[in-house]
């Protein structure tokens, strides 16, 4: 019995450094033009570009598991940004694929908060039913307004309700590690990232 216990301890001591050398799914870090965050395996940054619509707005998009999305819209600090109007415009933009709920409303909304970049940020959570390929899929989208030095960031997170438990840790990883500094250069879509414009 004593030999068996010793063998297990020796084996464990040998395997621990070996496991550390071969991480199976490592957390990745995005660090570009002053924007820093970490994200989990299964997520990918697909857009980082500058939108010119009156004010310069940087849009960063991450695609995640089960067709989930995480969007970062970085506005100059002086820009007039309303969380309510942003969320309303997002709802308007998806009106063609949303099934109206009881009473004729396309979605329901409620006030929420989330800890993002080390602060409690106010948000609006919308629930709605998407009609895709003849199927009705309940979805949830949340929008938050985050104040960081020099910037206002609108964060949008969307996923099917049935997959929320799977994708929430991915959102939270970005929320917990988000940092934004004045960029050293203008972000461009020159690194092979797909340009997707969100209205």
N, C-alpha and C. Protein backbone atom coordinates (compact mmCIF):
# COMPACT_ATOMS: atom_id res chain seq x y z
N UNK A 1 0.81 -1.19 0.00
CA UNK A 1 0.00 0.00 0.00
C UNK A 1 0.87 1.27 0.00
N UNK A 2 1.98 1.22 0.81
CA UNK A 2 2.87 2.34 0.89
C UNK A 2 3.56 2.59 -0.45
N UNK A 3 3.94 1.51 -1.16
CA UNK A 3 4.58 1.64 -2.49
C UNK A 3 3.61 2.24 -3.49
N UNK A 4 2.33 1.85 -3.42
CA UNK A 4 1.32 2.34 -4.35
C UNK A 4 1.13 3.85 -4.18
N UNK A 5 1.05 4.32 -2.95
CA UNK A 5 0.88 5.75 -2.69
C UNK A 5 2.09 6.54 -3.17
N UNK A 6 3.29 6.00 -2.97
CA UNK A 6 4.51 6.67 -3.43
C UNK A 6 4.54 6.77 -4.94
N UNK A 7 4.10 5.71 -5.61
CA UNK A 7 4.08 5.70 -7.07
C UNK A 7 3.13 6.77 -7.59
N UNK A 8 1.95 6.92 -6.97
CA UNK A 8 0.98 7.93 -7.40
C UNK A 8 1.55 9.33 -7.24
N UNK A 9 2.24 9.58 -6.12
CA UNK A 9 2.83 10.90 -5.89
C UNK A 9 3.92 11.22 -6.91
N UNK A 10 4.76 10.24 -7.21
CA UNK A 10 5.82 10.44 -8.21
C UNK A 10 5.21 10.69 -9.58
N UNK A 11 4.19 9.92 -9.94
CA UNK A 11 3.53 10.07 -11.23
C UNK A 11 2.90 11.46 -11.36
N UNK A 12 2.24 11.90 -10.29
CA UNK A 12 1.61 13.23 -10.31
C UNK A 12 2.66 14.32 -10.47
N UNK A 13 3.79 14.18 -9.78
CA UNK A 13 4.86 15.17 -9.87
C UNK A 13 5.43 15.24 -11.28
N UNK A 14 5.46 14.11 -11.98
CA UNK A 14 5.97 14.09 -13.35
C UNK A 14 4.97 14.65 -14.35
N UNK A 15 3.68 14.41 -14.13
CA UNK A 15 2.67 14.80 -15.10
C UNK A 15 2.28 16.28 -15.02
N UNK A 16 2.36 16.90 -13.84
CA UNK A 16 1.96 18.29 -13.71
C UNK A 16 2.77 19.23 -14.59
N UNK A 17 4.10 19.16 -14.60
CA UNK A 17 4.85 20.05 -15.51
C UNK A 17 4.57 19.74 -16.98
N UNK A 18 4.32 18.47 -17.28
CA UNK A 18 4.03 18.09 -18.66
C UNK A 18 2.71 18.69 -19.12
N UNK A 19 1.70 18.67 -18.26
CA UNK A 19 0.40 19.25 -18.61
C UNK A 19 0.53 20.75 -18.83
N UNK A 20 1.37 21.41 -18.06
CA UNK A 20 1.55 22.85 -18.20
C UNK A 20 2.19 23.21 -19.53
N UNK A 21 2.97 22.30 -20.09
CA UNK A 21 3.66 22.57 -21.36
C UNK A 21 2.73 22.46 -22.56
N UNK A 22 1.61 21.78 -22.40
CA UNK A 22 0.70 21.55 -23.52
C UNK A 22 -0.72 21.98 -23.16
N UNK A 23 -0.96 23.31 -23.03
CA UNK A 23 -2.32 23.74 -22.75
C UNK A 23 -3.22 23.42 -23.93
N UNK A 24 -4.36 22.79 -23.68
CA UNK A 24 -5.21 22.32 -24.77
C UNK A 24 -5.96 23.47 -25.43
N UNK A 25 -6.51 24.35 -24.64
CA UNK A 25 -7.27 25.45 -25.21
C UNK A 25 -6.93 26.72 -24.44
N UNK A 26 -5.98 27.47 -24.95
CA UNK A 26 -5.49 28.64 -24.22
C UNK A 26 -6.37 29.85 -24.48
N UNK A 27 -6.49 30.69 -23.46
CA UNK A 27 -7.15 31.99 -23.61
C UNK A 27 -6.28 32.86 -24.50
N UNK A 28 -6.92 33.61 -25.42
CA UNK A 28 -6.18 34.48 -26.33
C UNK A 28 -6.32 35.93 -25.89
N UNK A 29 -5.37 36.75 -26.32
CA UNK A 29 -5.39 38.17 -25.99
C UNK A 29 -5.40 38.99 -27.27
N UNK A 30 -6.28 39.98 -27.31
CA UNK A 30 -6.35 40.90 -28.43
C UNK A 30 -5.74 42.22 -27.97
N UNK A 31 -4.78 42.73 -28.72
CA UNK A 31 -4.07 43.94 -28.34
C UNK A 31 -3.75 44.70 -29.62
N UNK A 32 -4.58 45.68 -29.95
CA UNK A 32 -4.41 46.39 -31.21
C UNK A 32 -4.90 47.83 -31.08
N UNK A 33 -4.05 48.77 -31.45
CA UNK A 33 -4.43 50.18 -31.47
C UNK A 33 -5.08 50.65 -30.18
N UNK A 34 -4.50 50.26 -29.05
CA UNK A 34 -4.98 50.72 -27.76
C UNK A 34 -6.10 49.91 -27.14
N UNK A 35 -6.63 48.94 -27.88
CA UNK A 35 -7.71 48.10 -27.35
C UNK A 35 -7.13 46.77 -26.88
N UNK A 36 -7.42 46.42 -25.63
CA UNK A 36 -6.90 45.19 -25.05
C UNK A 36 -8.04 44.41 -24.41
N UNK A 37 -8.10 43.11 -24.66
CA UNK A 37 -8.99 42.22 -23.94
C UNK A 37 -8.55 40.78 -24.19
N UNK A 38 -9.00 39.90 -23.32
CA UNK A 38 -8.75 38.47 -23.50
C UNK A 38 -10.06 37.80 -23.87
N UNK A 39 -9.97 36.69 -24.62
CA UNK A 39 -11.19 35.99 -25.00
C UNK A 39 -10.95 34.48 -25.00
N UNK A 40 -12.03 33.75 -24.79
CA UNK A 40 -11.96 32.31 -24.62
C UNK A 40 -11.86 31.57 -25.94
N UNK A 41 -11.41 30.32 -25.91
CA UNK A 41 -11.43 29.49 -27.12
C UNK A 41 -12.85 29.39 -27.66
N UNK A 42 -12.96 29.33 -28.96
CA UNK A 42 -14.28 29.28 -29.59
C UNK A 42 -14.78 30.64 -30.01
N UNK A 43 -14.07 31.70 -29.59
CA UNK A 43 -14.40 33.06 -29.99
C UNK A 43 -13.35 33.57 -30.97
N UNK A 44 -13.77 34.47 -31.88
CA UNK A 44 -12.84 35.00 -32.88
C UNK A 44 -13.18 36.46 -33.18
N UNK A 45 -12.16 37.30 -33.23
CA UNK A 45 -12.35 38.70 -33.63
C UNK A 45 -12.48 38.71 -35.15
N UNK A 46 -13.63 39.18 -35.65
CA UNK A 46 -13.87 39.16 -37.10
C UNK A 46 -13.91 40.56 -37.71
N UNK A 47 -14.01 41.58 -36.89
CA UNK A 47 -14.08 42.96 -37.39
C UNK A 47 -13.34 43.89 -36.46
N UNK A 48 -12.54 44.77 -37.02
CA UNK A 48 -11.97 45.89 -36.28
C UNK A 48 -11.75 47.00 -37.31
N UNK A 49 -12.68 47.95 -37.35
CA UNK A 49 -12.60 48.99 -38.36
C UNK A 49 -13.16 50.29 -37.83
N UNK A 50 -12.90 51.34 -38.59
CA UNK A 50 -13.35 52.67 -38.21
C UNK A 50 -14.54 53.05 -39.08
N UNK A 51 -15.64 53.37 -38.43
CA UNK A 51 -16.84 53.84 -39.13
C UNK A 51 -16.86 55.35 -39.06
N UNK A 52 -17.13 55.99 -40.19
CA UNK A 52 -17.20 57.45 -40.21
C UNK A 52 -18.64 57.86 -40.48
N UNK A 53 -19.35 58.13 -39.40
CA UNK A 53 -20.75 58.55 -39.51
C UNK A 53 -20.95 59.77 -38.63
N UNK A 54 -20.49 60.91 -39.08
CA UNK A 54 -20.56 62.10 -38.25
C UNK A 54 -19.37 62.16 -37.30
N UNK A 55 -19.26 61.16 -36.42
CA UNK A 55 -18.09 61.03 -35.55
C UNK A 55 -17.39 59.72 -35.88
N UNK A 56 -16.11 59.66 -35.57
CA UNK A 56 -15.38 58.43 -35.82
C UNK A 56 -15.73 57.41 -34.74
N UNK A 57 -16.18 56.26 -35.16
CA UNK A 57 -16.57 55.20 -34.24
C UNK A 57 -15.81 53.94 -34.62
N UNK A 58 -15.12 53.36 -33.67
CA UNK A 58 -14.43 52.10 -33.92
C UNK A 58 -15.35 50.94 -33.58
N UNK A 59 -15.51 50.04 -34.51
CA UNK A 59 -16.36 48.86 -34.30
C UNK A 59 -15.49 47.61 -34.24
N UNK A 60 -15.65 46.85 -33.19
CA UNK A 60 -14.96 45.56 -33.04
C UNK A 60 -16.02 44.50 -32.79
N UNK A 61 -15.96 43.42 -33.56
CA UNK A 61 -16.93 42.34 -33.42
C UNK A 61 -16.24 41.03 -33.14
N UNK A 62 -16.79 40.28 -32.20
CA UNK A 62 -16.35 38.91 -31.93
C UNK A 62 -17.51 37.97 -32.21
N UNK A 63 -17.22 36.90 -32.92
CA UNK A 63 -18.18 35.83 -33.14
C UNK A 63 -17.84 34.68 -32.20
N UNK A 64 -18.88 34.12 -31.58
CA UNK A 64 -18.66 33.06 -30.62
C UNK A 64 -19.44 31.81 -30.92
N UNK A 65 -19.45 30.86 -29.99
CA UNK A 65 -20.17 29.60 -30.17
C UNK A 65 -21.66 29.83 -30.39
N UNK A 66 -22.28 28.94 -31.12
CA UNK A 66 -23.73 28.95 -31.34
C UNK A 66 -24.22 30.28 -31.92
N UNK A 67 -23.42 30.86 -32.82
CA UNK A 67 -23.79 32.09 -33.53
C UNK A 67 -23.96 33.29 -32.60
N UNK A 68 -23.29 33.28 -31.47
CA UNK A 68 -23.36 34.40 -30.54
C UNK A 68 -22.46 35.53 -31.02
N UNK A 69 -22.76 36.75 -30.54
CA UNK A 69 -22.01 37.94 -30.95
C UNK A 69 -21.64 38.77 -29.75
N UNK A 70 -20.52 39.46 -29.87
CA UNK A 70 -20.14 40.49 -28.91
C UNK A 70 -19.60 41.66 -29.73
N UNK A 71 -20.18 42.85 -29.52
CA UNK A 71 -19.82 44.03 -30.28
C UNK A 71 -19.32 45.13 -29.36
N UNK A 72 -18.27 45.82 -29.79
CA UNK A 72 -17.74 46.97 -29.07
C UNK A 72 -17.75 48.17 -30.01
N UNK A 73 -18.48 49.21 -29.64
CA UNK A 73 -18.49 50.45 -30.41
C UNK A 73 -17.82 51.52 -29.57
N UNK A 74 -16.64 51.96 -30.00
CA UNK A 74 -15.83 52.89 -29.23
C UNK A 74 -15.99 54.30 -29.78
N UNK A 75 -16.64 55.17 -28.99
CA UNK A 75 -16.89 56.55 -29.37
C UNK A 75 -15.92 57.48 -28.65
N UNK A 76 -15.59 58.62 -29.25
CA UNK A 76 -14.82 59.63 -28.51
C UNK A 76 -15.62 60.06 -27.28
N UNK A 77 -14.92 60.44 -26.23
CA UNK A 77 -15.57 60.79 -24.97
C UNK A 77 -16.58 61.92 -25.14
N UNK A 78 -16.31 62.84 -26.06
CA UNK A 78 -17.19 64.00 -26.25
C UNK A 78 -18.44 63.67 -27.06
N UNK A 79 -18.50 62.50 -27.67
CA UNK A 79 -19.64 62.15 -28.51
C UNK A 79 -20.91 62.00 -27.67
N UNK A 80 -22.02 62.45 -28.22
CA UNK A 80 -23.31 62.30 -27.55
C UNK A 80 -23.85 60.91 -27.87
N UNK A 81 -23.79 60.03 -26.90
CA UNK A 81 -24.22 58.64 -27.10
C UNK A 81 -25.30 58.32 -26.09
N UNK A 82 -26.45 57.91 -26.59
CA UNK A 82 -27.55 57.51 -25.72
C UNK A 82 -27.72 56.01 -25.79
N UNK A 83 -27.65 55.35 -24.65
CA UNK A 83 -27.84 53.91 -24.61
C UNK A 83 -29.24 53.53 -25.09
N UNK A 84 -30.22 54.32 -24.71
CA UNK A 84 -31.61 54.04 -25.10
C UNK A 84 -31.80 54.11 -26.62
N UNK A 85 -31.25 55.15 -27.24
CA UNK A 85 -31.41 55.28 -28.69
C UNK A 85 -30.59 54.23 -29.43
N UNK A 86 -29.43 53.87 -28.89
CA UNK A 86 -28.62 52.82 -29.52
C UNK A 86 -29.38 51.49 -29.52
N UNK A 87 -29.94 51.13 -28.36
CA UNK A 87 -30.69 49.87 -28.26
C UNK A 87 -31.93 49.90 -29.15
N UNK A 88 -32.59 51.05 -29.22
CA UNK A 88 -33.79 51.17 -30.06
C UNK A 88 -33.43 51.02 -31.53
N UNK A 89 -32.30 51.62 -31.95
CA UNK A 89 -31.87 51.50 -33.35
C UNK A 89 -31.48 50.06 -33.68
N UNK A 90 -30.86 49.36 -32.72
CA UNK A 90 -30.51 47.96 -32.95
C UNK A 90 -31.77 47.13 -33.15
N UNK A 91 -32.79 47.38 -32.35
CA UNK A 91 -34.06 46.66 -32.49
C UNK A 91 -34.72 46.97 -33.82
N UNK A 92 -34.64 48.23 -34.24
CA UNK A 92 -35.22 48.63 -35.52
C UNK A 92 -34.51 47.93 -36.68
N UNK A 93 -33.19 47.77 -36.55
CA UNK A 93 -32.41 47.14 -37.62
C UNK A 93 -32.72 45.67 -37.83
N UNK A 94 -33.24 44.99 -36.82
CA UNK A 94 -33.55 43.57 -36.98
C UNK A 94 -35.05 43.32 -37.12
N UNK A 95 -35.82 44.38 -37.33
CA UNK A 95 -37.29 44.27 -37.36
C UNK A 95 -37.79 43.28 -38.42
N UNK A 96 -37.08 43.16 -39.54
CA UNK A 96 -37.54 42.29 -40.62
C UNK A 96 -37.51 40.80 -40.27
N UNK A 97 -36.69 40.42 -39.29
CA UNK A 97 -36.57 39.00 -38.96
C UNK A 97 -37.11 38.67 -37.56
N UNK A 98 -37.78 39.65 -36.95
CA UNK A 98 -38.31 39.44 -35.60
C UNK A 98 -39.81 39.19 -35.66
N UNK A 99 -40.24 38.15 -34.97
CA UNK A 99 -41.66 37.81 -34.87
C UNK A 99 -42.27 38.65 -33.75
N UNK A 100 -43.38 39.31 -34.05
CA UNK A 100 -44.02 40.14 -33.03
C UNK A 100 -44.57 39.27 -31.91
N UNK A 101 -44.39 39.76 -30.68
CA UNK A 101 -44.86 39.02 -29.52
C UNK A 101 -46.30 39.41 -29.20
N UNK A 102 -46.82 38.84 -28.13
CA UNK A 102 -48.20 39.13 -27.72
C UNK A 102 -48.38 40.63 -27.54
N UNK A 103 -49.47 41.14 -28.08
CA UNK A 103 -49.72 42.58 -27.99
C UNK A 103 -49.11 43.35 -29.13
N UNK A 104 -48.45 42.67 -30.06
CA UNK A 104 -47.88 43.33 -31.23
C UNK A 104 -46.51 43.92 -31.05
N UNK A 105 -45.91 43.79 -29.84
CA UNK A 105 -44.58 44.35 -29.61
C UNK A 105 -43.52 43.43 -30.20
N UNK A 106 -42.49 44.00 -30.87
CA UNK A 106 -41.45 43.16 -31.46
C UNK A 106 -40.45 42.62 -30.43
N UNK A 107 -40.41 43.22 -29.22
CA UNK A 107 -39.48 42.75 -28.19
C UNK A 107 -39.92 43.27 -26.84
N UNK A 108 -39.37 42.68 -25.80
CA UNK A 108 -39.54 43.22 -24.45
C UNK A 108 -38.18 43.71 -23.99
N UNK A 109 -38.17 44.69 -23.10
CA UNK A 109 -36.91 45.27 -22.64
C UNK A 109 -36.95 45.50 -21.13
N UNK A 110 -35.78 45.41 -20.53
CA UNK A 110 -35.67 45.71 -19.10
C UNK A 110 -34.28 46.26 -18.81
N UNK A 111 -34.17 47.01 -17.71
CA UNK A 111 -32.88 47.58 -17.31
C UNK A 111 -32.05 46.52 -16.62
N UNK A 112 -30.75 46.47 -16.95
CA UNK A 112 -29.82 45.52 -16.35
C UNK A 112 -28.50 46.23 -16.08
N UNK A 113 -27.60 45.58 -15.37
CA UNK A 113 -26.24 46.08 -15.21
C UNK A 113 -25.27 44.92 -15.39
N UNK A 114 -24.04 45.23 -15.71
CA UNK A 114 -22.97 44.23 -15.81
C UNK A 114 -21.66 44.88 -15.40
N UNK A 115 -20.78 44.10 -14.83
CA UNK A 115 -19.46 44.61 -14.47
C UNK A 115 -18.57 44.51 -15.70
N UNK A 116 -18.18 45.66 -16.23
CA UNK A 116 -17.36 45.74 -17.43
C UNK A 116 -16.23 46.72 -17.18
N UNK A 117 -15.00 46.32 -17.51
CA UNK A 117 -13.82 47.17 -17.32
C UNK A 117 -13.73 47.67 -15.87
N UNK A 118 -14.10 46.81 -14.94
CA UNK A 118 -13.96 47.12 -13.52
C UNK A 118 -15.03 48.01 -12.93
N UNK A 119 -16.11 48.26 -13.67
CA UNK A 119 -17.17 49.14 -13.17
C UNK A 119 -18.55 48.55 -13.47
N UNK A 120 -19.52 48.91 -12.63
CA UNK A 120 -20.90 48.51 -12.89
C UNK A 120 -21.46 49.42 -13.98
N UNK A 121 -21.82 48.82 -15.10
CA UNK A 121 -22.28 49.60 -16.25
C UNK A 121 -23.77 49.39 -16.48
N UNK A 122 -24.52 50.47 -16.72
CA UNK A 122 -25.95 50.34 -16.98
C UNK A 122 -26.20 49.70 -18.34
N UNK A 123 -27.30 48.97 -18.44
CA UNK A 123 -27.60 48.31 -19.69
C UNK A 123 -29.08 48.15 -19.94
N UNK A 124 -29.40 47.74 -21.15
CA UNK A 124 -30.76 47.43 -21.55
C UNK A 124 -30.75 46.04 -22.17
N UNK A 125 -31.59 45.17 -21.65
CA UNK A 125 -31.68 43.80 -22.18
C UNK A 125 -32.99 43.65 -22.95
N UNK A 126 -32.88 43.20 -24.18
CA UNK A 126 -34.05 42.98 -25.03
C UNK A 126 -34.20 41.49 -25.30
N UNK A 127 -35.43 40.99 -25.24
CA UNK A 127 -35.72 39.62 -25.63
C UNK A 127 -36.69 39.66 -26.81
N UNK A 128 -36.45 38.78 -27.76
CA UNK A 128 -37.24 38.78 -28.99
C UNK A 128 -37.15 37.41 -29.63
N UNK A 129 -38.05 37.15 -30.57
CA UNK A 129 -38.06 35.88 -31.30
C UNK A 129 -37.62 36.12 -32.74
N UNK A 130 -36.53 35.49 -33.14
CA UNK A 130 -36.10 35.56 -34.54
C UNK A 130 -36.78 34.48 -35.34
N UNK A 131 -37.20 34.82 -36.55
CA UNK A 131 -37.77 33.84 -37.46
C UNK A 131 -36.74 33.53 -38.53
N UNK A 132 -36.16 32.34 -38.47
CA UNK A 132 -35.14 31.92 -39.41
C UNK A 132 -35.48 30.57 -39.99
N UNK A 133 -35.52 30.50 -41.32
CA UNK A 133 -35.79 29.23 -42.02
C UNK A 133 -37.04 28.54 -41.49
N UNK A 134 -38.08 29.33 -41.25
CA UNK A 134 -39.34 28.76 -40.80
C UNK A 134 -39.39 28.38 -39.34
N UNK A 135 -38.33 28.69 -38.59
CA UNK A 135 -38.30 28.37 -37.17
C UNK A 135 -38.27 29.66 -36.35
N UNK A 136 -38.85 29.58 -35.16
CA UNK A 136 -38.83 30.69 -34.23
C UNK A 136 -37.81 30.42 -33.14
N UNK A 137 -36.82 31.30 -33.03
CA UNK A 137 -35.74 31.11 -32.08
C UNK A 137 -35.71 32.27 -31.09
N UNK A 138 -36.07 32.06 -29.82
CA UNK A 138 -35.99 33.12 -28.81
C UNK A 138 -34.55 33.59 -28.63
N UNK A 139 -34.35 34.89 -28.67
CA UNK A 139 -33.02 35.48 -28.53
C UNK A 139 -33.00 36.54 -27.44
N UNK A 140 -31.79 36.88 -27.05
CA UNK A 140 -31.59 37.96 -26.08
C UNK A 140 -30.42 38.82 -26.55
N UNK A 141 -30.61 40.13 -26.48
CA UNK A 141 -29.54 41.08 -26.78
C UNK A 141 -29.44 42.07 -25.64
N UNK A 142 -28.22 42.34 -25.20
CA UNK A 142 -28.00 43.30 -24.11
C UNK A 142 -27.02 44.36 -24.59
N UNK A 143 -27.29 45.61 -24.20
CA UNK A 143 -26.45 46.74 -24.59
C UNK A 143 -26.05 47.50 -23.32
N UNK A 144 -24.77 47.83 -23.23
CA UNK A 144 -24.24 48.51 -22.03
C UNK A 144 -23.44 49.73 -22.47
N UNK A 145 -23.44 50.75 -21.60
CA UNK A 145 -22.63 51.93 -21.85
C UNK A 145 -21.52 51.98 -20.81
N UNK A 146 -20.28 51.97 -21.29
CA UNK A 146 -19.11 51.91 -20.42
C UNK A 146 -18.28 53.18 -20.63
N UNK A 147 -17.90 53.82 -19.54
CA UNK A 147 -17.06 55.02 -19.62
C UNK A 147 -15.63 54.64 -19.24
N UNK A 148 -14.71 54.85 -20.17
CA UNK A 148 -13.29 54.67 -19.90
C UNK A 148 -12.60 55.97 -20.28
N UNK A 149 -11.45 56.29 -19.70
CA UNK A 149 -10.79 57.58 -19.98
C UNK A 149 -10.62 57.82 -21.48
N UNK A 150 -11.23 58.90 -21.97
CA UNK A 150 -11.12 59.28 -23.37
C UNK A 150 -12.17 58.68 -24.28
N UNK A 151 -12.98 57.74 -23.75
CA UNK A 151 -13.93 57.03 -24.61
C UNK A 151 -15.25 56.72 -23.90
N UNK A 152 -16.27 56.55 -24.74
CA UNK A 152 -17.51 55.91 -24.32
C UNK A 152 -17.63 54.66 -25.18
N UNK A 153 -17.88 53.54 -24.55
CA UNK A 153 -17.97 52.27 -25.29
C UNK A 153 -19.36 51.69 -25.12
N UNK A 154 -20.03 51.43 -26.24
CA UNK A 154 -21.29 50.70 -26.20
C UNK A 154 -20.96 49.24 -26.48
N UNK A 155 -21.33 48.38 -25.56
CA UNK A 155 -21.07 46.95 -25.67
C UNK A 155 -22.39 46.25 -25.96
N UNK A 156 -22.40 45.44 -27.00
CA UNK A 156 -23.60 44.67 -27.35
C UNK A 156 -23.30 43.18 -27.32
N UNK A 157 -24.19 42.41 -26.72
CA UNK A 157 -24.02 40.96 -26.63
C UNK A 157 -25.33 40.29 -27.03
N UNK A 158 -25.27 39.35 -27.98
CA UNK A 158 -26.49 38.71 -28.46
C UNK A 158 -26.29 37.21 -28.62
N UNK A 159 -27.32 36.45 -28.25
CA UNK A 159 -27.28 34.99 -28.41
C UNK A 159 -28.69 34.44 -28.30
N UNK A 160 -28.86 33.22 -28.81
CA UNK A 160 -30.12 32.50 -28.60
C UNK A 160 -30.25 32.18 -27.12
N UNK A 161 -31.47 32.29 -26.61
CA UNK A 161 -31.67 32.08 -25.17
C UNK A 161 -31.24 30.68 -24.73
N UNK A 162 -31.42 29.70 -25.60
CA UNK A 162 -31.07 28.33 -25.20
C UNK A 162 -29.56 28.13 -25.05
N UNK A 163 -28.76 29.07 -25.56
CA UNK A 163 -27.30 28.94 -25.48
C UNK A 163 -26.66 29.95 -24.53
N UNK A 164 -27.46 30.69 -23.77
CA UNK A 164 -26.91 31.73 -22.90
C UNK A 164 -25.91 31.18 -21.89
N UNK A 165 -26.20 30.03 -21.31
CA UNK A 165 -25.28 29.47 -20.31
C UNK A 165 -23.92 29.14 -20.93
N UNK A 166 -23.92 28.78 -22.21
CA UNK A 166 -22.67 28.44 -22.91
C UNK A 166 -21.85 29.69 -23.24
N UNK A 167 -22.53 30.76 -23.66
CA UNK A 167 -21.80 31.92 -24.17
C UNK A 167 -21.51 33.00 -23.13
N UNK A 168 -22.23 33.03 -22.03
CA UNK A 168 -22.01 34.07 -21.02
C UNK A 168 -20.57 34.11 -20.50
N UNK A 169 -19.93 32.97 -20.23
CA UNK A 169 -18.52 33.05 -19.79
C UNK A 169 -17.62 33.72 -20.81
N UNK A 170 -17.91 33.55 -22.10
CA UNK A 170 -17.13 34.22 -23.13
C UNK A 170 -17.32 35.73 -23.10
N UNK A 171 -18.56 36.17 -22.92
CA UNK A 171 -18.81 37.60 -22.79
C UNK A 171 -18.08 38.16 -21.58
N UNK A 172 -18.21 37.45 -20.45
CA UNK A 172 -17.65 37.96 -19.20
C UNK A 172 -16.13 38.05 -19.24
N UNK A 173 -15.50 37.13 -19.97
CA UNK A 173 -14.03 37.19 -20.09
C UNK A 173 -13.60 38.50 -20.73
N UNK A 174 -14.30 38.91 -21.79
CA UNK A 174 -14.00 40.18 -22.44
C UNK A 174 -14.33 41.34 -21.49
N UNK A 175 -15.50 41.27 -20.83
CA UNK A 175 -15.90 42.32 -19.90
C UNK A 175 -14.82 42.55 -18.83
N UNK A 176 -14.33 41.45 -18.28
CA UNK A 176 -13.39 41.53 -17.16
C UNK A 176 -12.02 42.08 -17.56
N UNK A 177 -11.65 41.93 -18.81
CA UNK A 177 -10.28 42.28 -19.24
C UNK A 177 -10.23 43.48 -20.17
N UNK A 178 -11.38 44.11 -20.44
CA UNK A 178 -11.45 45.21 -21.40
C UNK A 178 -10.68 46.44 -20.92
N UNK A 179 -9.78 46.92 -21.78
CA UNK A 179 -9.04 48.17 -21.53
C UNK A 179 -8.93 48.90 -22.86
N UNK A 180 -8.99 50.22 -22.79
CA UNK A 180 -8.93 51.02 -24.01
C UNK A 180 -8.08 52.26 -23.75
N UNK A 181 -7.10 52.46 -24.64
CA UNK A 181 -6.20 53.60 -24.55
C UNK A 181 -6.21 54.32 -25.89
N UNK A 182 -5.82 55.60 -25.93
CA UNK A 182 -5.74 56.29 -27.22
C UNK A 182 -4.86 55.52 -28.19
N UNK A 183 -5.33 55.26 -29.42
CA UNK A 183 -4.57 54.45 -30.37
C UNK A 183 -3.36 55.18 -30.91
N UNK A 184 -2.34 54.39 -31.24
CA UNK A 184 -1.13 54.95 -31.84
C UNK A 184 -1.28 55.09 -33.35
N UNK A 185 -2.26 54.37 -33.91
CA UNK A 185 -2.51 54.47 -35.35
C UNK A 185 -4.00 54.25 -35.58
N UNK A 186 -4.46 54.63 -36.76
CA UNK A 186 -5.87 54.48 -37.09
C UNK A 186 -6.18 53.03 -37.44
N UNK A 187 -7.20 52.40 -36.80
CA UNK A 187 -7.52 51.02 -37.15
C UNK A 187 -8.02 50.92 -38.58
N UNK A 188 -7.53 49.96 -39.27
CA UNK A 188 -7.94 49.72 -40.66
C UNK A 188 -8.32 48.27 -40.81
N UNK A 189 -9.02 47.97 -41.87
CA UNK A 189 -9.41 46.60 -42.13
C UNK A 189 -8.39 45.97 -43.08
N UNK A 190 -7.12 45.99 -42.65
CA UNK A 190 -6.04 45.56 -43.54
C UNK A 190 -5.43 44.23 -43.14
N UNK A 191 -5.97 43.61 -42.11
CA UNK A 191 -5.36 42.36 -41.64
C UNK A 191 -6.19 41.14 -41.99
N UNK A 192 -7.04 41.26 -42.99
CA UNK A 192 -7.84 40.10 -43.40
C UNK A 192 -9.12 39.93 -42.61
N UNK A 193 -9.44 40.89 -41.71
CA UNK A 193 -10.67 40.79 -40.95
C UNK A 193 -11.85 41.16 -41.84
N UNK A 194 -12.94 40.48 -41.62
CA UNK A 194 -14.13 40.71 -42.44
C UNK A 194 -14.84 41.98 -42.00
N UNK A 195 -15.13 42.86 -42.93
CA UNK A 195 -15.83 44.10 -42.61
C UNK A 195 -17.33 43.85 -42.61
N UNK A 196 -17.96 44.10 -41.48
CA UNK A 196 -19.39 43.94 -41.35
C UNK A 196 -19.93 45.23 -40.76
N UNK A 197 -20.83 45.89 -41.47
CA UNK A 197 -21.38 47.13 -40.97
C UNK A 197 -22.72 46.84 -40.31
N UNK A 198 -22.86 47.33 -39.08
CA UNK A 198 -24.09 47.14 -38.32
C UNK A 198 -24.84 48.45 -38.31
N UNK A 199 -26.08 48.44 -38.70
CA UNK A 199 -26.89 49.67 -38.75
C UNK A 199 -27.68 49.80 -37.47
